[in-house]
Amino acid sequence: MSHLAISTKKWARKSGTAIHAALSFTIFFFLDLTDAILCFVYELLDEVLEGNSQSCYCNASPRTTVENEVSETLFNRRNVFREFARKLKLSRRMVNSKKTHDEMTNRWSDCGCQTCSSWTKKEDGNLHVVVKDSTPQEDSVREPLEDVIFIHGFMGSSYLWTETVFEHFKEDRYRLFAVDLLGFGESPKPRDSLYTLKDHVEAIERSVVKPYQLGSFHLVAHSMGCLVALALAAKHSTIVKSVTLVAPPYFSSSLEGSVLTRIAGKRLWPPLAFGTAVMSWYEHVGRCVCFIVCKHHKIWEWLIKLCTGRFLGRY
């Protein structure tokens, strides 16, 4: 290959990198502005439609716990326009606002269908749990030999397991539990919760381990649920018999920079990385996406069924 061809290739690569950087800066600059504006828009809409505004994390001060397990991604998402607003004392109320909210009602931007709002009827605050006991009917008096708790991942629910593993699990003498994690599926979605590992672990203990009196159990988890499973196993190391992790998230502790920058850096390409960045960095833009997609999920399910001839299901 000639020297001219090599030089041209390097120039093209550098030019492409420079163009991508310029486009990224422009688009994310616009998204910074849009998210800052939406912060005030949603505050106004919450005031009008709910009588009070739901606090957001974009201008809030971190609340720490004893375990110091509150994710930095909740509070350290920098935005040039939000920083300017804070200096001018135009920022919104802090997360520890004294206003009270009804914890057992859906928000105006949430879907109000029977499935999505069923958690509001749970007075005990326990998770939604699907139980399958494969013990033969004639042996139902005896205790099952093994208990297995299945934990789904991000944007999932107990359907991930009940519509796959549970349907094809034919082994005798097993009792299977599939939970909807706190904030997912038909489980409660408390507004004042920070959804820490401790919150998830305590919810599973309260909803499965204690009421079903599990003396020992196995754990099977997927994606984000793997973190919850490991925390649960660490707390109950004497009674957890095995832990099976499917596609667990892993990031080397030797890498520098914040977790958010490492897993969701602001870049346009590939498209999946851009979508991850938008939903991770921009709380209020993400709320718009959820309003369009989640609140109207029945429309999208109908369209998918119309195009594919199959019902997508609620995974």
C-alpha atoms as a PDB file:
ATOM      1  CA  MET A   1       0.000   0.000   0.000  1.00  0.00           C
ATOM      2  CA  SER A   2       1.386   3.379  -1.017  1.00  0.00           C
ATOM      3  CA  HIS A   3       2.247   6.146   1.415  1.00  0.00           C
ATOM      4  CA  LEU A   4      -0.444   8.322  -0.174  1.00  0.00           C
ATOM      5  CA  ALA A   5      -3.147   5.693   0.435  1.00  0.00           C
ATOM      6  CA  ILE A   6      -2.122   5.303   4.093  1.00  0.00           C
ATOM      7  CA  SER A   7      -2.157   9.067   4.604  1.00  0.00           C
ATOM      8  CA  THR A   8      -5.589   9.342   2.979  1.00  0.00           C
ATOM      9  CA  LYS A   9      -6.957   6.588   5.210  1.00  0.00           C
ATOM     10  CA  LYS A  10      -5.639   8.276   8.361  1.00  0.00           C
ATOM     11  CA  TRP A  11      -7.024  11.631   7.229  1.00  0.00           C
ATOM     12  CA  ALA A  12     -10.451  10.074   6.568  1.00  0.00           C
ATOM     13  CA  ARG A  13     -10.446   8.432  10.022  1.00  0.00           C
ATOM     14  CA  LYS A  14      -9.480  11.658  11.786  1.00  0.00           C
ATOM     15  CA  SER A  15     -12.062  13.619   9.786  1.00  0.00           C
ATOM     16  CA  GLY A  16     -14.780  11.116  10.671  1.00  0.00           C
ATOM     17  CA  THR A  17     -13.840  11.267  14.348  1.00  0.00           C
ATOM     18  CA  ALA A  18     -13.895  15.078  14.304  1.00  0.00           C
ATOM     19  CA  ILE A  19     -17.291  15.186  12.573  1.00  0.00           C
ATOM     20  CA  HIS A  20     -18.730  12.665  15.031  1.00  0.00           C
ATOM     21  CA  ALA A  21     -17.388  14.688  17.973  1.00  0.00           C
ATOM     22  CA  ALA A  22     -18.866  17.922  16.586  1.00  0.00           C
ATOM     23  CA  LEU A  23     -22.262  16.327  15.946  1.00  0.00           C
ATOM     24  CA  SER A  24     -22.262  14.712  19.386  1.00  0.00           C
ATOM     25  CA  PHE A  25     -21.475  18.015  21.071  1.00  0.00           C
ATOM     26  CA  THR A  26     -24.251  19.799  19.163  1.00  0.00           C
ATOM     27  CA  ILE A  27     -26.933  17.172  19.753  1.00  0.00           C
ATOM     28  CA  PHE A  28     -26.151  16.589  23.419  1.00  0.00           C
ATOM     29  CA  PHE A  29     -25.944  20.352  23.959  1.00  0.00           C
ATOM     30  CA  PHE A  30     -29.482  20.562  22.575  1.00  0.00           C
ATOM     31  CA  LEU A  31     -30.568  17.654  24.801  1.00  0.00           C
ATOM     32  CA  ASP A  32     -29.079  19.427  27.840  1.00  0.00           C
ATOM     33  CA  LEU A  33     -31.246  22.440  27.054  1.00  0.00           C
ATOM     34  CA  THR A  34     -34.332  20.331  26.347  1.00  0.00           C
ATOM     35  CA  ASP A  35     -34.004  18.370  29.594  1.00  0.00           C
ATOM     36  CA  ALA A  36     -33.581  21.563  31.639  1.00  0.00           C
ATOM     37  CA  ILE A  37     -36.728  23.023  30.060  1.00  0.00           C
ATOM     38  CA  LEU A  38     -38.695  19.797  30.583  1.00  0.00           C
ATOM     39  CA  CYS A  39     -37.701  19.884  34.253  1.00  0.00           C
ATOM     40  CA  PHE A  40     -39.805  23.030  34.708  1.00  0.00           C
ATOM     41  CA  VAL A  41     -42.553  21.820  32.359  1.00  0.00           C
ATOM     42  CA  TYR A  42     -43.090  18.614  34.314  1.00  0.00           C
ATOM     43  CA  GLU A  43     -43.032  20.495  37.596  1.00  0.00           C
ATOM     44  CA  LEU A  44     -45.851  22.704  36.305  1.00  0.00           C
ATOM     45  CA  LEU A  45     -47.843  19.753  34.929  1.00  0.00           C
ATOM     46  CA  ASP A  46     -47.459  17.823  38.194  1.00  0.00           C
ATOM     47  CA  GLU A  47     -48.686  20.852  40.140  1.00  0.00           C
ATOM     48  CA  VAL A  48     -51.736  21.282  37.896  1.00  0.00           C
ATOM     49  CA  LEU A  49     -52.693  17.611  37.456  1.00  0.00           C
ATOM     50  CA  GLU A  50     -51.702  16.163  40.851  1.00  0.00           C
ATOM     51  CA  GLY A  51     -51.902  19.173  43.167  1.00  0.00           C
ATOM     52  CA  ASN A  52     -48.208  18.895  44.021  1.00  0.00           C
ATOM     53  CA  SER A  53     -44.978  18.361  42.132  1.00  0.00           C
ATOM     54  CA  GLN A  54     -43.006  15.135  42.280  1.00  0.00           C
ATOM     55  CA  SER A  55     -39.393  15.830  43.106  1.00  0.00           C
ATOM     56  CA  CYS A  56     -36.781  14.882  40.536  1.00  0.00           C
ATOM     57  CA  TYR A  57     -33.114  14.029  40.971  1.00  0.00           C
ATOM     58  CA  CYS A  58     -31.579  16.472  38.517  1.00  0.00           C
ATOM     59  CA  ASN A  59     -31.094  19.279  41.047  1.00  0.00           C
ATOM     60  CA  ALA A  60     -31.292  17.308  44.259  1.00  0.00           C
ATOM     61  CA  SER A  61     -28.705  16.619  46.894  1.00  0.00           C
ATOM     62  CA  PRO A  62     -27.725  12.975  47.385  1.00  0.00           C
ATOM     63  CA  ARG A  63     -29.306  11.117  50.260  1.00  0.00           C
ATOM     64  CA  THR A  64     -26.930   8.605  51.761  1.00  0.00           C
ATOM     65  CA  THR A  65     -27.680   5.386  53.554  1.00  0.00           C
ATOM     66  CA  VAL A  66     -25.695   3.465  56.116  1.00  0.00           C
ATOM     67  CA  GLU A  67     -24.385   1.225  53.347  1.00  0.00           C
ATOM     68  CA  ASN A  68     -23.676   4.264  51.143  1.00  0.00           C
ATOM     69  CA  GLU A  69     -25.313   2.391  48.267  1.00  0.00           C
ATOM     70  CA  VAL A  70     -27.122   5.261  46.538  1.00  0.00           C
ATOM     71  CA  SER A  71     -25.956   5.295  42.934  1.00  0.00           C
ATOM     72  CA  GLU A  72     -24.034   8.347  41.799  1.00  0.00           C
ATOM     73  CA  THR A  73     -25.939   8.184  38.516  1.00  0.00           C
ATOM     74  CA  LEU A  74     -29.007   9.594  40.255  1.00  0.00           C
ATOM     75  CA  PHE A  75     -27.374  12.885  41.181  1.00  0.00           C
ATOM     76  CA  ASN A  76     -24.163  13.389  39.193  1.00  0.00           C
ATOM     77  CA  ARG A  77     -25.622  13.820  35.719  1.00  0.00           C
ATOM     78  CA  ARG A  78     -24.094  17.152  34.806  1.00  0.00           C
ATOM     79  CA  ASN A  79     -26.003  19.594  32.602  1.00  0.00           C
ATOM     80  CA  VAL A  80     -24.600  23.012  31.706  1.00  0.00           C
ATOM     81  CA  PHE A  81     -28.034  24.672  31.695  1.00  0.00           C
ATOM     82  CA  ARG A  82     -29.072  23.081  34.970  1.00  0.00           C
ATOM     83  CA  GLU A  83     -25.859  24.280  36.636  1.00  0.00           C
ATOM     84  CA  PHE A  84     -26.607  27.797  35.421  1.00  0.00           C
ATOM     85  CA  ALA A  85     -30.163  27.604  36.737  1.00  0.00           C
ATOM     86  CA  ARG A  86     -28.923  26.454  40.109  1.00  0.00           C
ATOM     87  CA  LYS A  87     -26.604  29.422  40.402  1.00  0.00           C
ATOM     88  CA  LEU A  88     -29.494  31.753  39.623  1.00  0.00           C
ATOM     89  CA  LYS A  89     -31.549  29.985  42.299  1.00  0.00           C
ATOM     90  CA  LEU A  90     -34.081  28.856  39.731  1.00  0.00           C
ATOM     91  CA  SER A  91     -33.667  25.169  40.440  1.00  0.00           C
ATOM     92  CA  ARG A  92     -36.527  23.023  41.513  1.00  0.00           C
ATOM     93  CA  ARG A  93     -37.384  21.773  44.992  1.00  0.00           C
ATOM     94  CA  MET A  94     -34.975  19.328  46.559  1.00  0.00           C
ATOM     95  CA  VAL A  95     -35.752  15.642  46.867  1.00  0.00           C
ATOM     96  CA  ASN A  96     -36.344  16.039  50.600  1.00  0.00           C
ATOM     97  CA  SER A  97     -39.265  18.397  50.000  1.00  0.00           C
ATOM     98  CA  LYS A  98     -41.795  18.362  52.816  1.00  0.00           C
ATOM     99  CA  LYS A  99     -44.690  17.906  50.417  1.00  0.00           C
ATOM    100  CA  THR A 100     -46.439  14.586  50.788  1.00  0.00           C
ATOM    101  CA  HIS A 101     -47.558  12.263  48.046  1.00  0.00           C
ATOM    102  CA  ASP A 102     -50.073   9.475  47.944  1.00  0.00           C
ATOM    103  CA  GLU A 103     -47.807   6.469  47.590  1.00  0.00           C
ATOM    104  CA  MET A 104     -50.594   4.147  46.443  1.00  0.00           C
ATOM    105  CA  THR A 105     -51.808   5.992  43.334  1.00  0.00           C
ATOM    106  CA  ASN A 106     -50.648   6.075  39.751  1.00  0.00           C
ATOM    107  CA  ARG A 107     -49.245   9.314  38.367  1.00  0.00           C
ATOM    108  CA  TRP A 108     -50.934  11.141  35.513  1.00  0.00           C
ATOM    109  CA  SER A 109     -48.146  10.066  33.167  1.00  0.00           C
ATOM    110  CA  ASP A 110     -48.434   6.370  34.116  1.00  0.00           C
ATOM    111  CA  CYS A 111     -50.560   3.783  32.344  1.00  0.00           C
ATOM    112  CA  GLY A 112     -53.889   3.250  34.110  1.00  0.00           C
ATOM    113  CA  CYS A 113     -54.767  -0.174  32.705  1.00  0.00           C
ATOM    114  CA  GLN A 114     -55.738  -2.947  35.117  1.00  0.00           C
ATOM    115  CA  THR A 115     -52.366  -4.689  34.906  1.00  0.00           C
ATOM    116  CA  CYS A 116     -50.241  -1.558  35.380  1.00  0.00           C
ATOM    117  CA  SER A 117     -52.340  -0.173  38.243  1.00  0.00           C
ATOM    118  CA  SER A 118     -52.992  -3.432  40.095  1.00  0.00           C
ATOM    119  CA  TRP A 119     -50.190  -2.641  42.568  1.00  0.00           C
ATOM    120  CA  THR A 120     -52.221   0.262  43.977  1.00  0.00           C
ATOM    121  CA  LYS A 121     -54.592  -2.280  45.536  1.00  0.00           C
ATOM    122  CA  LYS A 122     -51.781  -3.969  47.501  1.00  0.00           C
ATOM    123  CA  GLU A 123     -52.147  -2.778  51.069  1.00  0.00           C
ATOM    124  CA  ASP A 124     -49.251  -4.841  52.427  1.00  0.00           C
ATOM    125  CA  GLY A 125     -46.698  -3.358  50.005  1.00  0.00           C
ATOM    126  CA  ASN A 126     -45.359  -6.807  49.117  1.00  0.00           C
ATOM    127  CA  LEU A 127     -43.990  -7.749  45.713  1.00  0.00           C
ATOM    128  CA  HIS A 128     -46.038  -9.526  43.079  1.00  0.00           C
ATOM    129  CA  VAL A 129     -44.974 -13.176  43.218  1.00  0.00           C
ATOM    130  CA  VAL A 130     -45.904 -16.034  40.883  1.00  0.00           C
ATOM    131  CA  VAL A 131     -45.562 -19.471  42.489  1.00  0.00           C
ATOM    132  CA  LYS A 132     -45.412 -22.818  40.710  1.00  0.00           C
ATOM    133  CA  ASP A 133     -45.303 -25.935  42.830  1.00  0.00           C
ATOM    134  CA  SER A 134     -44.401 -28.967  40.748  1.00  0.00           C
ATOM    135  CA  THR A 135     -44.857 -31.401  43.611  1.00  0.00           C
ATOM    136  CA  PRO A 136     -47.175 -34.223  42.466  1.00  0.00           C
ATOM    137  CA  GLN A 137     -50.752 -33.879  43.692  1.00  0.00           C
ATOM    138  CA  GLU A 138     -50.625 -37.119  45.643  1.00  0.00           C
ATOM    139  CA  ASP A 139     -47.520 -35.889  47.502  1.00  0.00           C
ATOM    140  CA  SER A 140     -48.805 -32.379  48.164  1.00  0.00           C
ATOM    141  CA  VAL A 141     -48.843 -33.039  51.893  1.00  0.00           C
ATOM    142  CA  ARG A 142     -45.059 -33.332  51.906  1.00  0.00           C
ATOM    143  CA  GLU A 143     -42.748 -30.358  51.702  1.00  0.00           C
ATOM    144  CA  PRO A 144     -41.069 -29.747  48.310  1.00  0.00           C
ATOM    145  CA  LEU A 145     -37.411 -30.702  48.210  1.00  0.00           C
ATOM    146  CA  GLU A 146     -36.144 -27.532  46.576  1.00  0.00           C
ATOM    147  CA  ASP A 147     -37.212 -23.867  46.434  1.00  0.00           C
ATOM    148  CA  VAL A 148     -35.988 -21.642  43.601  1.00  0.00           C
ATOM    149  CA  ILE A 149     -36.363 -17.851  43.397  1.00  0.00           C
ATOM    150  CA  PHE A 150     -36.201 -16.296  39.905  1.00  0.00           C
ATOM    151  CA  ILE A 151     -35.248 -12.608  39.582  1.00  0.00           C
ATOM    152  CA  HIS A 152     -35.677 -10.712  36.312  1.00  0.00           C
ATOM    153  CA  GLY A 153     -33.517  -7.910  34.918  1.00  0.00           C
ATOM    154  CA  PHE A 154     -33.988  -4.288  33.909  1.00  0.00           C
ATOM    155  CA  MET A 155     -37.200  -3.574  31.970  1.00  0.00           C
ATOM    156  CA  GLY A 156     -38.355  -7.109  32.736  1.00  0.00           C
ATOM    157  CA  SER A 157     -40.898  -8.790  34.978  1.00  0.00           C
ATOM    158  CA  SER A 158     -41.821 -12.218  36.304  1.00  0.00           C
ATOM    159  CA  TYR A 159     -43.183 -12.986  32.819  1.00  0.00           C
ATOM    160  CA  LEU A 160     -39.593 -13.516  31.686  1.00  0.00           C
ATOM    161  CA  TRP A 161     -39.616 -16.727  33.723  1.00  0.00           C
ATOM    162  CA  THR A 162     -43.285 -17.759  33.825  1.00  0.00           C
ATOM    163  CA  GLU A 163     -43.623 -17.674  30.031  1.00  0.00           C
ATOM    164  CA  THR A 164     -40.391 -19.590  29.419  1.00  0.00           C
ATOM    165  CA  VAL A 165     -38.872 -21.657  32.236  1.00  0.00           C
ATOM    166  CA  PHE A 166     -42.070 -22.267  34.198  1.00  0.00           C
ATOM    167  CA  GLU A 167     -43.966 -23.587  31.174  1.00  0.00           C
ATOM    168  CA  HIS A 168     -41.305 -26.159  30.348  1.00  0.00           C
ATOM    169  CA  PHE A 169     -40.186 -27.110  33.844  1.00  0.00           C
ATOM    170  CA  LYS A 170     -41.325 -30.686  34.393  1.00  0.00           C
ATOM    171  CA  GLU A 171     -39.090 -31.687  37.301  1.00  0.00           C
ATOM    172  CA  ASP A 172     -40.940 -32.997  40.334  1.00  0.00           C
ATOM    173  CA  ARG A 173     -40.594 -31.715  43.865  1.00  0.00           C
ATOM    174  CA  TYR A 174     -39.591 -28.155  43.067  1.00  0.00           C
ATOM    175  CA  ARG A 175     -41.321 -24.970  44.118  1.00  0.00           C
ATOM    176  CA  LEU A 176     -40.606 -22.004  41.846  1.00  0.00           C
ATOM    177  CA  PHE A 177     -40.997 -18.325  42.732  1.00  0.00           C
ATOM    178  CA  ALA A 178     -40.854 -15.557  40.100  1.00  0.00           C
ATOM    179  CA  VAL A 179     -40.943 -12.037  41.536  1.00  0.00           C
ATOM    180  CA  ASP A 180     -41.614  -8.629  40.040  1.00  0.00           C
ATOM    181  CA  LEU A 181     -38.890  -6.477  41.558  1.00  0.00           C
ATOM    182  CA  LEU A 182     -39.780  -3.255  43.329  1.00  0.00           C
ATOM    183  CA  GLY A 183     -40.902  -0.765  40.675  1.00  0.00           C
ATOM    184  CA  PHE A 184     -41.459  -3.406  37.980  1.00  0.00           C
ATOM    185  CA  GLY A 185     -44.458  -5.317  36.672  1.00  0.00           C
ATOM    186  CA  GLU A 186     -47.318  -5.571  39.163  1.00  0.00           C
ATOM    187  CA  SER A 187     -45.196  -4.804  42.231  1.00  0.00           C
ATOM    188  CA  PRO A 188     -45.433  -1.545  44.214  1.00  0.00           C
ATOM    189  CA  LYS A 189     -43.724   1.546  42.829  1.00  0.00           C
ATOM    190  CA  PRO A 190     -43.190   3.777  45.896  1.00  0.00           C
ATOM    191  CA  ARG A 191     -42.255   7.341  45.023  1.00  0.00           C
ATOM    192  CA  ASP A 192     -40.058   7.905  48.057  1.00  0.00           C
ATOM    193  CA  SER A 193     -37.874   4.855  47.427  1.00  0.00           C
ATOM    194  CA  LEU A 194     -34.374   5.143  45.957  1.00  0.00           C
ATOM    195  CA  TYR A 195     -34.586   1.497  44.816  1.00  0.00           C
ATOM    196  CA  THR A 196     -31.244   0.539  46.327  1.00  0.00           C
ATOM    197  CA  LEU A 197     -29.977  -3.034  46.609  1.00  0.00           C
ATOM    198  CA  LYS A 198     -31.080  -3.008  50.224  1.00  0.00           C
ATOM    199  CA  ASP A 199     -34.630  -2.019  49.206  1.00  0.00           C
ATOM    200  CA  HIS A 200     -34.817  -4.863  46.662  1.00  0.00           C
ATOM    201  CA  VAL A 201     -33.373  -7.456  49.031  1.00  0.00           C
ATOM    202  CA  GLU A 202     -35.703  -6.500  51.876  1.00  0.00           C
ATOM    203  CA  ALA A 203     -38.694  -6.605  49.519  1.00  0.00           C
ATOM    204  CA  ILE A 204     -37.841 -10.166  48.441  1.00  0.00           C
ATOM    205  CA  GLU A 205     -37.349 -11.210  52.074  1.00  0.00           C
ATOM    206  CA  ARG A 206     -40.673  -9.664  53.023  1.00  0.00           C
ATOM    207  CA  SER A 207     -42.571 -11.139  50.053  1.00  0.00           C
ATOM    208  CA  VAL A 208     -41.002 -14.578  49.571  1.00  0.00           C
ATOM    209  CA  VAL A 209     -38.425 -15.764  52.114  1.00  0.00           C
ATOM    210  CA  LYS A 210     -40.411 -15.017  55.285  1.00  0.00           C
ATOM    211  CA  PRO A 211     -44.052 -15.685  54.270  1.00  0.00           C
ATOM    212  CA  TYR A 212     -43.165 -18.996  52.578  1.00  0.00           C
ATOM    213  CA  GLN A 213     -40.738 -19.901  55.378  1.00  0.00           C
ATOM    214  CA  LEU A 214     -37.871 -20.833  53.088  1.00  0.00           C
ATOM    215  CA  GLY A 215     -35.260 -22.758  55.047  1.00  0.00           C
ATOM    216  CA  SER A 216     -33.027 -22.937  51.994  1.00  0.00           C
ATOM    217  CA  PHE A 217     -33.338 -21.921  48.356  1.00  0.00           C
ATOM    218  CA  HIS A 218     -31.624 -21.531  45.000  1.00  0.00           C
ATOM    219  CA  LEU A 219     -31.345 -18.221  43.108  1.00  0.00           C
ATOM    220  CA  VAL A 220     -31.620 -17.715  39.345  1.00  0.00           C
ATOM    221  CA  ALA A 221     -31.241 -14.165  38.022  1.00  0.00           C
ATOM    222  CA  HIS A 222     -30.879 -12.274  34.761  1.00  0.00           C
ATOM    223  CA  SER A 223     -29.006  -9.032  33.958  1.00  0.00           C
ATOM    224  CA  MET A 224     -29.644  -6.370  36.628  1.00  0.00           C
ATOM    225  CA  GLY A 225     -31.351  -9.008  38.752  1.00  0.00           C
ATOM    226  CA  CYS A 226     -27.942 -10.679  39.141  1.00  0.00           C
ATOM    227  CA  LEU A 227     -26.847  -7.815  41.397  1.00  0.00           C
ATOM    228  CA  VAL A 228     -29.918  -8.289  43.572  1.00  0.00           C
ATOM    229  CA  ALA A 229     -29.331 -12.043  43.681  1.00  0.00           C
ATOM    230  CA  LEU A 230     -25.709 -11.616  44.785  1.00  0.00           C
ATOM    231  CA  ALA A 231     -26.748  -9.180  47.525  1.00  0.00           C
ATOM    232  CA  LEU A 232     -29.457 -11.582  48.694  1.00  0.00           C
ATOM    233  CA  ALA A 233     -27.006 -14.497  48.643  1.00  0.00           C
ATOM    234  CA  ALA A 234     -24.414 -12.525  50.603  1.00  0.00           C
ATOM    235  CA  LYS A 235     -26.979 -11.723  53.286  1.00  0.00           C
ATOM    236  CA  HIS A 236     -28.272 -15.301  53.495  1.00  0.00           C
ATOM    237  CA  SER A 237     -25.081 -17.202  52.733  1.00  0.00           C
ATOM    238  CA  THR A 238     -25.980 -20.042  55.101  1.00  0.00           C
ATOM    239  CA  ILE A 239     -29.270 -20.949  53.397  1.00  0.00           C
ATOM    240  CA  VAL A 240     -28.635 -20.095  49.722  1.00  0.00           C
ATOM    241  CA  LYS A 241     -27.747 -23.411  48.052  1.00  0.00           C
ATOM    242  CA  SER A 242     -26.736 -22.090  44.616  1.00  0.00           C
ATOM    243  CA  VAL A 243     -26.686 -18.929  42.509  1.00  0.00           C
ATOM    244  CA  THR A 244     -27.170 -19.012  38.723  1.00  0.00           C
ATOM    245  CA  LEU A 245     -26.456 -15.745  36.895  1.00  0.00           C
ATOM    246  CA  VAL A 246     -27.585 -15.153  33.309  1.00  0.00           C
ATOM    247  CA  ALA A 247     -25.803 -12.272  31.495  1.00  0.00           C
ATOM    248  CA  PRO A 248     -24.570 -10.526  34.680  1.00  0.00           C
ATOM    249  CA  PRO A 249     -23.297  -6.929  34.301  1.00  0.00           C
ATOM    250  CA  TYR A 250     -19.578  -6.598  34.956  1.00  0.00           C
ATOM    251  CA  PHE A 251     -17.242  -3.612  34.968  1.00  0.00           C
ATOM    252  CA  SER A 252     -13.632  -3.717  36.045  1.00  0.00           C
ATOM    253  CA  SER A 253     -12.906  -1.676  39.162  1.00  0.00           C
ATOM    254  CA  SER A 254      -9.586  -0.657  37.630  1.00  0.00           C
ATOM    255  CA  LEU A 255     -11.256   1.538  35.031  1.00  0.00           C
ATOM    256  CA  GLU A 256     -11.216   5.266  35.715  1.00  0.00           C
ATOM    257  CA  GLY A 257     -14.115   7.680  35.478  1.00  0.00           C
ATOM    258  CA  SER A 258     -17.675   7.536  36.720  1.00  0.00           C
ATOM    259  CA  VAL A 259     -19.799   4.447  36.189  1.00  0.00           C
ATOM    260  CA  LEU A 260     -22.301   6.421  34.129  1.00  0.00           C
ATOM    261  CA  THR A 261     -19.608   7.638  31.724  1.00  0.00           C
ATOM    262  CA  ARG A 262     -18.251   4.124  31.320  1.00  0.00           C
ATOM    263  CA  ILE A 263     -21.543   2.382  30.611  1.00  0.00           C
ATOM    264  CA  ALA A 264     -23.446   5.170  28.851  1.00  0.00           C
ATOM    265  CA  GLY A 265     -20.964   7.603  27.338  1.00  0.00           C
ATOM    266  CA  LYS A 266     -22.456  10.439  25.311  1.00  0.00           C
ATOM    267  CA  ARG A 267     -22.046   9.290  21.716  1.00  0.00           C
ATOM    268  CA  LEU A 268     -24.236   9.078  18.641  1.00  0.00           C
ATOM    269  CA  TRP A 269     -23.020   5.817  17.193  1.00  0.00           C
ATOM    270  CA  PRO A 270     -24.023   3.056  17.305  1.00  0.00           C
ATOM    271  CA  PRO A 271     -27.768   3.864  17.683  1.00  0.00           C
ATOM    272  CA  LEU A 272     -28.146   1.578  20.708  1.00  0.00           C
ATOM    273  CA  ALA A 273     -25.374   3.493  22.498  1.00  0.00           C
ATOM    274  CA  PHE A 274     -27.115   6.783  21.684  1.00  0.00           C
ATOM    275  CA  GLY A 275     -30.415   5.511  23.084  1.00  0.00           C
ATOM    276  CA  THR A 276     -28.656   4.295  26.234  1.00  0.00           C
ATOM    277  CA  ALA A 277     -26.995   7.686  26.695  1.00  0.00           C
ATOM    278  CA  VAL A 278     -30.253   9.599  26.284  1.00  0.00           C
ATOM    279  CA  MET A 279     -32.184   7.433  28.753  1.00  0.00           C
ATOM    280  CA  SER A 280     -29.309   7.422  31.270  1.00  0.00           C
ATOM    281  CA  TRP A 281     -28.300  11.095  31.253  1.00  0.00           C
ATOM    282  CA  TYR A 282     -31.619  12.875  30.722  1.00  0.00           C
ATOM    283  CA  GLU A 283     -34.231  12.227  33.383  1.00  0.00           C
ATOM    284  CA  HIS A 284     -37.010  14.306  31.824  1.00  0.00           C
ATOM    285  CA  VAL A 285     -36.371  13.397  28.196  1.00  0.00           C
ATOM    286  CA  GLY A 286     -36.518   9.798  29.416  1.00  0.00           C
ATOM    287  CA  ARG A 287     -39.827  10.517  31.107  1.00  0.00           C
ATOM    288  CA  CYS A 288     -41.173  11.739  27.747  1.00  0.00           C
ATOM    289  CA  VAL A 289     -40.070   8.487  26.111  1.00  0.00           C
ATOM    290  CA  CYS A 290     -41.713   6.460  28.880  1.00  0.00           C
ATOM    291  CA  PHE A 291     -44.893   8.529  28.550  1.00  0.00           C
ATOM    292  CA  ILE A 292     -45.073   7.779  24.816  1.00  0.00           C
ATOM    293  CA  VAL A 293     -44.066   4.127  24.988  1.00  0.00           C
ATOM    294  CA  CYS A 294     -45.157   2.848  28.412  1.00  0.00           C
ATOM    295  CA  LYS A 295     -48.381   4.772  29.001  1.00  0.00           C
ATOM    296  CA  HIS A 296     -49.617   3.743  25.570  1.00  0.00           C
ATOM    297  CA  HIS A 297     -48.139   0.231  25.573  1.00  0.00           C
ATOM    298  CA  LYS A 298     -51.436  -1.337  24.510  1.00  0.00           C
ATOM    299  CA  ILE A 299     -51.309   0.642  21.250  1.00  0.00           C
ATOM    300  CA  TRP A 300     -47.761  -0.550  20.571  1.00  0.00           C
ATOM    301  CA  GLU A 301     -48.706  -4.135  21.432  1.00  0.00           C
ATOM    302  CA  TRP A 302     -51.631  -3.909  19.011  1.00  0.00           C
ATOM    303  CA  LEU A 303     -49.400  -2.523  16.250  1.00  0.00           C
ATOM    304  CA  ILE A 304     -46.804  -5.258  16.786  1.00  0.00           C
ATOM    305  CA  LYS A 305     -49.513  -7.914  16.705  1.00  0.00           C
ATOM    306  CA  LEU A 306     -50.935  -6.331  13.547  1.00  0.00           C
ATOM    307  CA  CYS A 307     -47.538  -6.384  11.827  1.00  0.00           C
ATOM    308  CA  THR A 308     -46.263  -9.750  13.050  1.00  0.00           C
ATOM    309  CA  GLY A 309     -49.431 -11.658  13.789  1.00  0.00           C
ATOM    310  CA  ARG A 310     -48.130 -12.450  17.256  1.00  0.00           C
ATOM    311  CA  PHE A 311     -48.773 -10.954  20.667  1.00  0.00           C
ATOM    312  CA  LEU A 312     -45.532  -9.605  22.104  1.00  0.00           C
ATOM    313  CA  GLY A 313     -46.340 -10.438  25.699  1.00  0.00           C
ATOM    314  CA  ARG A 314     -45.324  -8.536  28.825  1.00  0.00           C
ATOM    315  CA  TYR A 315     -41.706  -9.419  29.502  1.00  0.00           C
END
